[in-house]
Amino acid sequence: MNVITALFISILLGRTESRMPTVYEFCSLVVDEEGPSQATCDVSQCQGRPGKRGSIGEKGDRGPEGPKGNPGTVEHVERKIQELEAYLAKSNQILESLPKSAYCYLGMKNREIPDSAITASSVYNNNHNSYHARLDNRYKSNDRGAWSARFNRVGEWLQTDLGKPTMVGGVISQGRHDSDEWIKTFTISCGHYSSTLESIHESGSTKVFTANRDRDTKVTNMFPSPISCRYIRVNPQSWHGHVSLRVEFIKGVCYDMYT
């Protein structure tokens, strides 16, 4: 009887230890029994498949809190206040050095507002399309440097979709770049839906804004107070030459900078 057979018999008769031998132990026993001519047992070849990972144990107790820092002093607080004031002063200096258009315009001039968001009641032709009504737009091929309505009459309008409800503080207007045509007075209506626009009022009546006197001078009109709009519409009430307009809208957060 060889050692392997004997080992199995002893397991069956219960004469071995209570635990079963590992694969490595069994393999090594076979190698020893066969004599020194056999190679030694390689663990990487003899080991079995790894067992399943056990369940995660419970979390340990929370460690003690670290020591508290030293209490602040009046000098420390004053120094922090001075640092904050210096930072704000520097920020204001940088802000004042920039043109207001860099941070106060809503996107007509810099084209953040896409062409598709600018519509009108009518256009004279494609060279006078609604999306040409951008502040400082200039004459070029297929663009006469402004929006021009098909008709000279009250009831024409230029509308901008800001994409979402946005606080608007005012409006800047210009006439047509290549011709003596401009809006002299207008009203503003706005709302969150294009079907429910309401006119801006002042003292209980629709506010009529005084606009331009020439083709290029920019005229700024601030609202009585900032107002939340998604759709904002300029409604010309009187004009010179023809209903033509370039325009930009001012962010509500810049209201105090213009008033």
C-alpha atoms as a PDB file:
ATOM      1  CA  MET A   1       0.000   0.000   0.000  1.00  0.00           C
ATOM      2  CA  ASN A   2       1.507   3.337  -1.009  1.00  0.00           C
ATOM      3  CA  VAL A   3       1.297   6.509   1.033  1.00  0.00           C
ATOM      4  CA  ILE A   4      -1.506   8.032  -1.036  1.00  0.00           C
ATOM      5  CA  THR A   5      -3.771   5.048  -0.537  1.00  0.00           C
ATOM      6  CA  ALA A   6      -2.901   4.996   3.141  1.00  0.00           C
ATOM      7  CA  LEU A   7      -3.711   8.683   3.471  1.00  0.00           C
ATOM      8  CA  PHE A   8      -7.165   8.246   1.974  1.00  0.00           C
ATOM      9  CA  ILE A   9      -7.915   5.219   4.144  1.00  0.00           C
ATOM     10  CA  SER A  10      -6.858   7.126   7.236  1.00  0.00           C
ATOM     11  CA  ILE A  11      -9.130   9.991   6.268  1.00  0.00           C
ATOM     12  CA  LEU A  12     -12.056   7.617   5.809  1.00  0.00           C
ATOM     13  CA  LEU A  13     -11.401   5.833   9.133  1.00  0.00           C
ATOM     14  CA  GLY A  14     -11.067   9.166  10.952  1.00  0.00           C
ATOM     15  CA  ARG A  15      -7.475   8.519  12.090  1.00  0.00           C
ATOM     16  CA  THR A  16      -6.115  11.805  10.708  1.00  0.00           C
ATOM     17  CA  GLU A  17      -6.460  15.237  12.157  1.00  0.00           C
ATOM     18  CA  SER A  18      -9.908  16.754  12.010  1.00  0.00           C
ATOM     19  CA  ARG A  19      -8.945  19.092   9.149  1.00  0.00           C
ATOM     20  CA  MET A  20      -8.394  18.010   5.557  1.00  0.00           C
ATOM     21  CA  PRO A  21      -4.849  18.493   4.166  1.00  0.00           C
ATOM     22  CA  THR A  22      -4.356  21.401   1.779  1.00  0.00           C
ATOM     23  CA  VAL A  23      -3.617  20.775  -1.865  1.00  0.00           C
ATOM     24  CA  TYR A  24      -0.030  21.884  -1.280  1.00  0.00           C
ATOM     25  CA  GLU A  25       0.373  19.503   1.674  1.00  0.00           C
ATOM     26  CA  PHE A  26      -1.090  16.623  -0.304  1.00  0.00           C
ATOM     27  CA  CYS A  27       1.110  17.425  -3.319  1.00  0.00           C
ATOM     28  CA  SER A  28       4.243  17.641  -1.175  1.00  0.00           C
ATOM     29  CA  LEU A  29       3.440  14.314   0.463  1.00  0.00           C
ATOM     30  CA  VAL A  30       3.218  12.666  -2.948  1.00  0.00           C
ATOM     31  CA  VAL A  31       6.565  14.172  -4.012  1.00  0.00           C
ATOM     32  CA  ASP A  32       8.281  12.969  -0.823  1.00  0.00           C
ATOM     33  CA  GLU A  33       6.889   9.457  -1.232  1.00  0.00           C
ATOM     34  CA  GLU A  34       8.058   9.139  -4.805  1.00  0.00           C
ATOM     35  CA  GLY A  35      11.653   9.889  -3.803  1.00  0.00           C
ATOM     36  CA  PRO A  36      14.311  12.505  -4.532  1.00  0.00           C
ATOM     37  CA  SER A  37      14.127  11.935  -8.264  1.00  0.00           C
ATOM     38  CA  GLN A  38      10.903  13.933  -8.393  1.00  0.00           C
ATOM     39  CA  ALA A  39      10.920  17.712  -8.548  1.00  0.00           C
ATOM     40  CA  THR A  40       9.736  19.610  -5.499  1.00  0.00           C
ATOM     41  CA  CYS A  41       6.118  20.701  -5.427  1.00  0.00           C
ATOM     42  CA  ASP A  42       5.523  24.219  -6.829  1.00  0.00           C
ATOM     43  CA  VAL A  43       2.898  26.142  -4.857  1.00  0.00           C
ATOM     44  CA  SER A  44       1.792  28.038  -7.991  1.00  0.00           C
ATOM     45  CA  GLN A  45       0.988  24.712  -9.667  1.00  0.00           C
ATOM     46  CA  CYS A  46      -0.574  22.938  -6.708  1.00  0.00           C
ATOM     47  CA  GLN A  47      -2.750  25.613  -5.126  1.00  0.00           C
ATOM     48  CA  GLY A  48      -6.487  25.423  -5.708  1.00  0.00           C
ATOM     49  CA  ARG A  49      -8.939  28.126  -6.755  1.00  0.00           C
ATOM     50  CA  PRO A  50      -9.210  31.020  -4.328  1.00  0.00           C
ATOM     51  CA  GLY A  51     -12.178  30.966  -2.047  1.00  0.00           C
ATOM     52  CA  LYS A  52     -15.018  33.488  -2.090  1.00  0.00           C
ATOM     53  CA  ARG A  53     -14.447  36.847  -0.488  1.00  0.00           C
ATOM     54  CA  GLY A  54     -16.005  37.077   2.910  1.00  0.00           C
ATOM     55  CA  SER A  55     -18.515  39.709   3.910  1.00  0.00           C
ATOM     56  CA  ILE A  56     -17.270  43.135   4.937  1.00  0.00           C
ATOM     57  CA  GLY A  57     -16.849  43.453   8.625  1.00  0.00           C
ATOM     58  CA  GLU A  58     -18.469  46.062  10.813  1.00  0.00           C
ATOM     59  CA  LYS A  59     -16.993  49.529  10.968  1.00  0.00           C
ATOM     60  CA  GLY A  60     -14.668  50.224  13.797  1.00  0.00           C
ATOM     61  CA  ASP A  61     -15.311  52.774  16.500  1.00  0.00           C
ATOM     62  CA  ARG A  62     -14.902  56.411  15.615  1.00  0.00           C
ATOM     63  CA  GLY A  63     -11.522  57.765  16.554  1.00  0.00           C
ATOM     64  CA  PRO A  64     -11.107  60.572  19.034  1.00  0.00           C
ATOM     65  CA  GLU A  65     -11.420  64.157  17.843  1.00  0.00           C
ATOM     66  CA  GLY A  66      -8.231  66.037  17.223  1.00  0.00           C
ATOM     67  CA  PRO A  67      -7.228  68.947  19.381  1.00  0.00           C
ATOM     68  CA  LYS A  68      -8.928  72.267  18.750  1.00  0.00           C
ATOM     69  CA  GLY A  69      -6.922  75.092  17.274  1.00  0.00           C
ATOM     70  CA  ASN A  70      -6.008  78.137  19.232  1.00  0.00           C
ATOM     71  CA  PRO A  71      -8.813  80.700  19.526  1.00  0.00           C
ATOM     72  CA  GLY A  72      -8.557  83.632  17.130  1.00  0.00           C
ATOM     73  CA  THR A  73      -7.441  87.009  18.307  1.00  0.00           C
ATOM     74  CA  VAL A  74      -8.695  90.479  17.490  1.00  0.00           C
ATOM     75  CA  GLU A  75      -5.498  91.082  15.535  1.00  0.00           C
ATOM     76  CA  HIS A  76      -6.092  87.917  13.510  1.00  0.00           C
ATOM     77  CA  VAL A  77      -9.657  88.941  12.629  1.00  0.00           C
ATOM     78  CA  GLU A  78      -8.572  92.463  11.692  1.00  0.00           C
ATOM     79  CA  ARG A  79      -5.836  91.083   9.450  1.00  0.00           C
ATOM     80  CA  LYS A  80      -8.342  88.836   7.661  1.00  0.00           C
ATOM     81  CA  ILE A  81     -10.680  91.794   7.156  1.00  0.00           C
ATOM     82  CA  GLN A  82      -7.838  93.853   5.707  1.00  0.00           C
ATOM     83  CA  GLU A  83      -6.909  91.020   3.329  1.00  0.00           C
ATOM     84  CA  LEU A  84     -10.539  90.742   2.184  1.00  0.00           C
ATOM     85  CA  GLU A  85     -10.827  94.497   1.662  1.00  0.00           C
ATOM     86  CA  ALA A  86      -7.601  94.520  -0.352  1.00  0.00           C
ATOM     87  CA  TYR A  87      -8.874  91.641  -2.498  1.00  0.00           C
ATOM     88  CA  LEU A  88     -12.194  93.406  -3.146  1.00  0.00           C
ATOM     89  CA  ALA A  89     -10.430  96.669  -3.990  1.00  0.00           C
ATOM     90  CA  LYS A  90      -8.196  94.882  -6.493  1.00  0.00           C
ATOM     91  CA  SER A  91     -11.181  93.070  -8.013  1.00  0.00           C
ATOM     92  CA  ASN A  92     -13.080  96.349  -8.405  1.00  0.00           C
ATOM     93  CA  GLN A  93     -10.036  97.947 -10.005  1.00  0.00           C
ATOM     94  CA  ILE A  94      -9.824  95.138 -12.552  1.00  0.00           C
ATOM     95  CA  LEU A  95     -13.575  95.303 -13.170  1.00  0.00           C
ATOM     96  CA  GLU A  96     -13.524  99.067 -13.703  1.00  0.00           C
ATOM     97  CA  SER A  97     -10.679  98.748 -16.206  1.00  0.00           C
ATOM     98  CA  LEU A  98     -12.808  96.504 -18.422  1.00  0.00           C
ATOM     99  CA  PRO A  99     -15.470  97.894 -20.762  1.00  0.00           C
ATOM    100  CA  LYS A 100     -18.990  97.270 -19.501  1.00  0.00           C
ATOM    101  CA  SER A 101     -19.685  95.323 -22.654  1.00  0.00           C
ATOM    102  CA  ALA A 102     -17.307  92.623 -21.386  1.00  0.00           C
ATOM    103  CA  TYR A 103     -19.589  91.616 -18.555  1.00  0.00           C
ATOM    104  CA  CYS A 104     -22.890  93.544 -18.772  1.00  0.00           C
ATOM    105  CA  TYR A 105     -24.173  92.758 -22.281  1.00  0.00           C
ATOM    106  CA  LEU A 106     -26.517  89.800 -22.685  1.00  0.00           C
ATOM    107  CA  GLY A 107     -25.141  88.559 -26.003  1.00  0.00           C
ATOM    108  CA  MET A 108     -26.492  90.413 -29.022  1.00  0.00           C
ATOM    109  CA  LYS A 109     -23.197  92.109 -29.881  1.00  0.00           C
ATOM    110  CA  ASN A 110     -20.862  89.171 -29.164  1.00  0.00           C
ATOM    111  CA  ARG A 111     -23.262  86.689 -30.804  1.00  0.00           C
ATOM    112  CA  GLU A 112     -23.732  84.515 -27.738  1.00  0.00           C
ATOM    113  CA  ILE A 113     -27.396  84.876 -28.637  1.00  0.00           C
ATOM    114  CA  PRO A 114     -27.755  82.826 -31.858  1.00  0.00           C
ATOM    115  CA  ASP A 115     -29.378  84.103 -35.036  1.00  0.00           C
ATOM    116  CA  SER A 116     -32.255  81.666 -34.570  1.00  0.00           C
ATOM    117  CA  ALA A 117     -33.221  83.379 -31.278  1.00  0.00           C
ATOM    118  CA  ILE A 118     -33.787  86.774 -32.953  1.00  0.00           C
ATOM    119  CA  THR A 119     -37.111  87.146 -34.791  1.00  0.00           C
ATOM    120  CA  ALA A 120     -39.263  89.994 -36.080  1.00  0.00           C
ATOM    121  CA  SER A 121     -42.797  90.797 -37.141  1.00  0.00           C
ATOM    122  CA  SER A 122     -41.488  91.345 -40.686  1.00  0.00           C
ATOM    123  CA  VAL A 123     -38.261  92.080 -42.595  1.00  0.00           C
ATOM    124  CA  TYR A 124     -37.718  94.345 -45.577  1.00  0.00           C
ATOM    125  CA  ASN A 125     -35.702  91.561 -47.268  1.00  0.00           C
ATOM    126  CA  ASN A 126     -32.945  89.091 -46.335  1.00  0.00           C
ATOM    127  CA  ASN A 127     -30.342  91.860 -46.314  1.00  0.00           C
ATOM    128  CA  HIS A 128     -32.290  93.469 -43.461  1.00  0.00           C
ATOM    129  CA  ASN A 129     -33.041  90.289 -41.498  1.00  0.00           C
ATOM    130  CA  SER A 130     -33.927  90.259 -37.797  1.00  0.00           C
ATOM    131  CA  TYR A 131     -30.560  88.744 -36.766  1.00  0.00           C
ATOM    132  CA  HIS A 132     -28.744  91.735 -38.295  1.00  0.00           C
ATOM    133  CA  ALA A 133     -30.081  93.816 -35.385  1.00  0.00           C
ATOM    134  CA  ARG A 134     -26.938  93.409 -33.287  1.00  0.00           C
ATOM    135  CA  LEU A 135     -25.343  96.403 -31.573  1.00  0.00           C
ATOM    136  CA  ASP A 136     -22.422  97.792 -33.610  1.00  0.00           C
ATOM    137  CA  ASN A 137     -23.237  95.573 -36.588  1.00  0.00           C
ATOM    138  CA  ARG A 138     -21.873  97.135 -39.784  1.00  0.00           C
ATOM    139  CA  TYR A 139     -22.707  97.027 -43.477  1.00  0.00           C
ATOM    140  CA  LYS A 140     -21.268  94.092 -45.435  1.00  0.00           C
ATOM    141  CA  SER A 141     -22.289  91.726 -48.180  1.00  0.00           C
ATOM    142  CA  ASN A 142     -25.890  90.510 -47.656  1.00  0.00           C
ATOM    143  CA  ASP A 143     -26.144  92.590 -44.459  1.00  0.00           C
ATOM    144  CA  ARG A 144     -27.179  96.251 -44.467  1.00  0.00           C
ATOM    145  CA  GLY A 145     -26.135  96.701 -40.832  1.00  0.00           C
ATOM    146  CA  ALA A 146     -29.522  96.601 -39.086  1.00  0.00           C
ATOM    147  CA  TRP A 147     -32.934  95.021 -38.959  1.00  0.00           C
ATOM    148  CA  SER A 148     -35.439  96.883 -41.104  1.00  0.00           C
ATOM    149  CA  ALA A 149     -39.148  96.097 -40.978  1.00  0.00           C
ATOM    150  CA  ARG A 150     -41.161  95.496 -44.129  1.00  0.00           C
ATOM    151  CA  PHE A 151     -43.595  98.263 -43.221  1.00  0.00           C
ATOM    152  CA  ASN A 152     -43.335 101.614 -41.462  1.00  0.00           C
ATOM    153  CA  ARG A 153     -46.133 101.245 -38.946  1.00  0.00           C
ATOM    154  CA  VAL A 154     -46.818 100.802 -35.255  1.00  0.00           C
ATOM    155  CA  GLY A 155     -47.158  97.084 -34.566  1.00  0.00           C
ATOM    156  CA  GLU A 156     -43.811  96.013 -36.011  1.00  0.00           C
ATOM    157  CA  TRP A 157     -41.473  94.406 -33.455  1.00  0.00           C
ATOM    158  CA  LEU A 158     -38.079  92.799 -32.903  1.00  0.00           C
ATOM    159  CA  GLN A 159     -37.956  89.909 -30.418  1.00  0.00           C
ATOM    160  CA  THR A 160     -35.065  88.102 -28.712  1.00  0.00           C
ATOM    161  CA  ASP A 161     -35.259  84.739 -26.965  1.00  0.00           C
ATOM    162  CA  LEU A 162     -32.713  84.738 -24.127  1.00  0.00           C
ATOM    163  CA  GLY A 163     -33.049  80.955 -23.756  1.00  0.00           C
ATOM    164  CA  LYS A 164     -34.205  81.036 -20.120  1.00  0.00           C
ATOM    165  CA  PRO A 165     -35.701  83.546 -17.671  1.00  0.00           C
ATOM    166  CA  THR A 166     -33.031  86.207 -17.200  1.00  0.00           C
ATOM    167  CA  MET A 167     -32.889  89.436 -15.216  1.00  0.00           C
ATOM    168  CA  VAL A 168     -32.716  92.320 -17.700  1.00  0.00           C
ATOM    169  CA  GLY A 169     -31.916  95.860 -16.590  1.00  0.00           C
ATOM    170  CA  GLY A 170     -32.144  97.904 -19.769  1.00  0.00           C
ATOM    171  CA  VAL A 171     -31.594  98.232 -23.501  1.00  0.00           C
ATOM    172  CA  ILE A 172     -29.072  99.973 -25.789  1.00  0.00           C
ATOM    173  CA  SER A 173     -30.238 100.995 -29.271  1.00  0.00           C
ATOM    174  CA  GLN A 174     -28.666 102.211 -32.522  1.00  0.00           C
ATOM    175  CA  GLY A 175     -29.959 103.099 -35.971  1.00  0.00           C
ATOM    176  CA  ARG A 176     -29.063 101.525 -39.289  1.00  0.00           C
ATOM    177  CA  HIS A 177     -25.347 101.652 -40.090  1.00  0.00           C
ATOM    178  CA  ASP A 178     -25.463 102.551 -43.795  1.00  0.00           C
ATOM    179  CA  SER A 179     -28.466 104.887 -43.900  1.00  0.00           C
ATOM    180  CA  ASP A 180     -30.213 107.637 -41.911  1.00  0.00           C
ATOM    181  CA  GLU A 181     -32.870 105.342 -40.463  1.00  0.00           C
ATOM    182  CA  TRP A 182     -33.539 104.855 -36.755  1.00  0.00           C
ATOM    183  CA  ILE A 183     -36.147 104.396 -34.054  1.00  0.00           C
ATOM    184  CA  LYS A 184     -37.108 107.551 -32.140  1.00  0.00           C
ATOM    185  CA  THR A 185     -39.347 105.974 -29.475  1.00  0.00           C
ATOM    186  CA  PHE A 186     -40.286 102.432 -28.507  1.00  0.00           C
ATOM    187  CA  THR A 187     -41.927 100.324 -25.798  1.00  0.00           C
ATOM    188  CA  ILE A 188     -40.648  97.081 -24.301  1.00  0.00           C
ATOM    189  CA  SER A 189     -42.656  93.962 -23.571  1.00  0.00           C
ATOM    190  CA  CYS A 190     -41.283  90.767 -22.053  1.00  0.00           C
ATOM    191  CA  GLY A 191     -42.243  87.551 -20.292  1.00  0.00           C
ATOM    192  CA  HIS A 192     -41.376  83.904 -19.812  1.00  0.00           C
ATOM    193  CA  TYR A 193     -43.576  82.859 -22.771  1.00  0.00           C
ATOM    194  CA  SER A 194     -43.825  84.566 -26.143  1.00  0.00           C
ATOM    195  CA  SER A 195     -47.630  84.296 -25.991  1.00  0.00           C
ATOM    196  CA  THR A 196     -47.941  86.158 -22.669  1.00  0.00           C
ATOM    197  CA  LEU A 197     -45.676  89.182 -23.021  1.00  0.00           C
ATOM    198  CA  GLU A 198     -46.475  92.222 -20.912  1.00  0.00           C
ATOM    199  CA  SER A 199     -45.405  95.813 -21.463  1.00  0.00           C
ATOM    200  CA  ILE A 200     -43.063  97.484 -18.992  1.00  0.00           C
ATOM    201  CA  HIS A 201     -45.018 100.062 -17.012  1.00  0.00           C
ATOM    202  CA  GLU A 202     -44.101 103.137 -15.060  1.00  0.00           C
ATOM    203  CA  SER A 203     -46.514 105.103 -12.850  1.00  0.00           C
ATOM    204  CA  GLY A 204     -49.367 102.890 -14.023  1.00  0.00           C
ATOM    205  CA  SER A 205     -48.842 103.441 -17.759  1.00  0.00           C
ATOM    206  CA  THR A 206     -46.867 101.729 -20.509  1.00  0.00           C
ATOM    207  CA  LYS A 207     -43.328 103.117 -20.433  1.00  0.00           C
ATOM    208  CA  VAL A 208     -42.320 104.849 -23.696  1.00  0.00           C
ATOM    209  CA  PHE A 209     -38.547 105.023 -24.115  1.00  0.00           C
ATOM    210  CA  THR A 210     -36.808 107.797 -26.053  1.00  0.00           C
ATOM    211  CA  ALA A 211     -34.325 106.265 -28.476  1.00  0.00           C
ATOM    212  CA  ASN A 212     -32.052 107.551 -31.240  1.00  0.00           C
ATOM    213  CA  ARG A 213     -31.391 110.790 -33.119  1.00  0.00           C
ATOM    214  CA  ASP A 214     -28.862 109.498 -35.627  1.00  0.00           C
ATOM    215  CA  ARG A 215     -27.682 106.261 -37.189  1.00  0.00           C
ATOM    216  CA  ASP A 216     -24.687 105.361 -34.960  1.00  0.00           C
ATOM    217  CA  THR A 217     -24.904 106.983 -31.514  1.00  0.00           C
ATOM    218  CA  LYS A 218     -25.765 104.423 -28.839  1.00  0.00           C
ATOM    219  CA  VAL A 219     -28.636 105.364 -26.555  1.00  0.00           C
ATOM    220  CA  THR A 220     -29.052 103.529 -23.242  1.00  0.00           C
ATOM    221  CA  ASN A 221     -32.474 103.207 -21.615  1.00  0.00           C
ATOM    222  CA  MET A 222     -32.738 101.556 -18.211  1.00  0.00           C
ATOM    223  CA  PHE A 223     -35.982  99.986 -17.052  1.00  0.00           C
ATOM    224  CA  PRO A 224     -37.755 101.300 -13.932  1.00  0.00           C
ATOM    225  CA  SER A 225     -36.249  98.224 -12.239  1.00  0.00           C
ATOM    226  CA  PRO A 226     -34.672  94.951 -13.438  1.00  0.00           C
ATOM    227  CA  ILE A 227     -37.255  92.499 -14.723  1.00  0.00           C
ATOM    228  CA  SER A 228     -37.182  88.745 -15.370  1.00  0.00           C
ATOM    229  CA  CYS A 229     -37.637  87.910 -19.065  1.00  0.00           C
ATOM    230  CA  ARG A 230     -36.991  85.043 -21.404  1.00  0.00           C
ATOM    231  CA  TYR A 231     -38.581  86.725 -24.409  1.00  0.00           C
ATOM    232  CA  ILE A 232     -38.009  90.456 -24.779  1.00  0.00           C
ATOM    233  CA  ARG A 233     -39.601  92.508 -27.545  1.00  0.00           C
ATOM    234  CA  VAL A 234     -38.829  96.019 -28.809  1.00  0.00           C
ATOM    235  CA  ASN A 235     -41.954  97.728 -30.203  1.00  0.00           C
ATOM    236  CA  PRO A 236     -41.114 100.833 -32.322  1.00  0.00           C
ATOM    237  CA  GLN A 237     -43.583 103.706 -31.798  1.00  0.00           C
ATOM    238  CA  SER A 238     -41.978 106.391 -33.978  1.00  0.00           C
ATOM    239  CA  TRP A 239     -39.013 106.460 -36.371  1.00  0.00           C
ATOM    240  CA  HIS A 240     -36.930 108.508 -38.765  1.00  0.00           C
ATOM    241  CA  GLY A 241     -36.716 107.417 -42.401  1.00  0.00           C
ATOM    242  CA  HIS A 242     -37.626 103.788 -41.803  1.00  0.00           C
ATOM    243  CA  VAL A 243     -38.160 101.289 -38.961  1.00  0.00           C
ATOM    244  CA  SER A 244     -34.533 100.132 -38.533  1.00  0.00           C
ATOM    245  CA  LEU A 245     -32.715  99.034 -35.396  1.00  0.00           C
ATOM    246  CA  ARG A 246     -29.587  97.615 -33.799  1.00  0.00           C
ATOM    247  CA  VAL A 247     -29.845  96.629 -30.156  1.00  0.00           C
ATOM    248  CA  GLU A 248     -28.245  95.113 -27.042  1.00  0.00           C
ATOM    249  CA  PHE A 249     -29.717  94.221 -23.637  1.00  0.00           C
ATOM    250  CA  ILE A 250     -28.119  94.905 -20.254  1.00  0.00           C
ATOM    251  CA  LYS A 251     -27.899  92.302 -17.492  1.00  0.00           C
ATOM    252  CA  GLY A 252     -29.943  92.995 -14.396  1.00  0.00           C
ATOM    253  CA  VAL A 253     -26.881  92.606 -12.139  1.00  0.00           C
ATOM    254  CA  CYS A 254     -25.357  95.661 -13.883  1.00  0.00           C
ATOM    255  CA  TYR A 255     -28.398  97.850 -13.221  1.00  0.00           C
ATOM    256  CA  ASP A 256     -26.648 100.039 -10.609  1.00  0.00           C
ATOM    257  CA  MET A 257     -23.696 100.627 -12.930  1.00  0.00           C
ATOM    258  CA  TYR A 258     -25.944 102.412 -15.442  1.00  0.00           C
ATOM    259  CA  THR A 259     -28.325 104.261 -13.114  1.00  0.00           C
END
